[in-house]
Amino acid sequence: QLNGSGLTVQASPLSRALKGAISFDNLSGASASQRKGDKRILYASETAARAVGGQITLHAFDAGKLAVGMPIRYLGID
């Protein structure tokens, strides 16, 4: 993000990126009323996720079998 205060960069560790890490984030304006059983979508990029709304961050040891658009279940939340 570039603004009058300077440049802000958020990046995951390089080792995770090389292993196919997935980033999730709580976007401002995203609904905080997610309930158990609600579905989450894995987007190809942060830009694509921000274009539609909600996004979460999860760091996994091995995410090699994940694919864009596949359903994810984490701690009982879809």
Protein backbone atom coordinates (compact mmCIF):
# COMPACT_ATOMS: atom_id res chain seq x y z
CA GLN A 1 0.00 0.00 0.00
CA LEU A 2 1.43 3.36 -0.97
CA ASN A 3 0.10 6.52 0.66
CA GLY A 4 1.33 9.84 2.08
CA SER A 5 2.93 8.02 5.01
CA GLY A 6 5.08 5.82 2.80
CA LEU A 7 4.99 2.26 1.54
CA THR A 8 3.52 -0.65 3.53
CA VAL A 9 4.33 -4.21 2.45
CA GLN A 10 2.92 -7.39 3.97
CA ALA A 11 4.66 -10.60 2.94
CA SER A 12 4.75 -14.15 4.21
CA PRO A 13 8.12 -15.83 4.83
CA LEU A 14 9.80 -16.84 1.56
CA SER A 15 10.03 -20.50 2.61
CA ARG A 16 6.25 -20.65 2.96
CA ALA A 17 5.68 -18.94 -0.36
CA LEU A 18 7.94 -21.46 -2.07
CA LYS A 19 5.96 -24.33 -0.50
CA GLY A 20 2.69 -22.90 -1.81
CA ALA A 21 1.53 -21.06 1.31
CA ILE A 22 -1.93 -19.56 1.42
CA SER A 23 -2.62 -16.22 3.08
CA PHE A 24 -5.88 -15.34 4.75
CA ASP A 25 -6.81 -11.91 6.13
CA ASN A 26 -9.69 -10.11 7.86
CA LEU A 27 -10.48 -7.38 5.35
CA SER A 28 -11.98 -4.17 6.64
CA GLY A 29 -15.69 -4.18 5.91
CA ALA A 30 -15.80 -7.99 5.89
CA SER A 31 -18.64 -9.57 7.81
CA ALA A 32 -17.72 -10.57 11.37
CA SER A 33 -20.90 -12.62 11.62
CA GLN A 34 -19.52 -15.79 10.04
CA ARG A 35 -21.08 -18.86 11.63
CA LYS A 36 -20.02 -22.48 11.80
CA GLY A 37 -20.93 -24.10 8.50
CA ASP A 38 -20.46 -20.93 6.44
CA LYS A 39 -18.44 -21.58 3.27
CA ARG A 40 -15.11 -19.90 2.44
CA ILE A 41 -13.67 -19.55 -1.05
CA LEU A 42 -9.97 -19.83 -1.94
CA TYR A 43 -9.13 -17.08 -4.46
CA ALA A 44 -6.21 -17.00 -6.87
CA SER A 45 -4.94 -13.70 -5.47
CA GLU A 46 -5.55 -11.09 -2.77
CA THR A 47 -6.83 -8.73 -5.46
CA ALA A 48 -9.48 -11.25 -6.51
CA ALA A 49 -10.52 -11.82 -2.89
CA ARG A 50 -10.77 -8.10 -2.14
CA ALA A 51 -12.96 -7.66 -5.21
CA VAL A 52 -15.70 -9.78 -3.64
CA GLY A 53 -15.29 -9.26 0.11
CA GLY A 54 -14.33 -11.69 2.88
CA GLN A 55 -10.94 -13.33 3.26
CA ILE A 56 -9.09 -15.16 6.10
CA THR A 57 -5.40 -16.11 6.68
CA LEU A 58 -4.20 -19.63 7.48
CA HIS A 59 -0.61 -20.89 7.47
CA ALA A 60 -0.32 -24.63 6.84
CA PHE A 61 2.70 -26.93 7.06
CA ASP A 62 1.86 -28.59 3.73
CA ALA A 63 -0.62 -26.97 1.35
CA GLY A 64 0.57 -28.78 -1.78
CA LYS A 65 -2.81 -30.37 -2.49
CA LEU A 66 -4.83 -27.13 -2.29
CA ALA A 67 -6.25 -25.62 -5.46
CA VAL A 68 -7.98 -22.38 -6.36
CA GLY A 69 -11.71 -22.52 -5.58
CA MET A 70 -11.61 -25.72 -3.50
CA PRO A 71 -13.55 -25.82 -0.21
CA ILE A 72 -11.50 -25.51 3.00
CA ARG A 73 -12.45 -26.69 6.50
CA TYR A 74 -10.34 -25.34 9.40
CA LEU A 75 -11.19 -25.77 13.09
CA GLY A 76 -14.72 -26.81 12.13
CA ILE A 77 -15.30 -23.78 9.90
CA ASP A 78 -15.90 -24.23 6.16
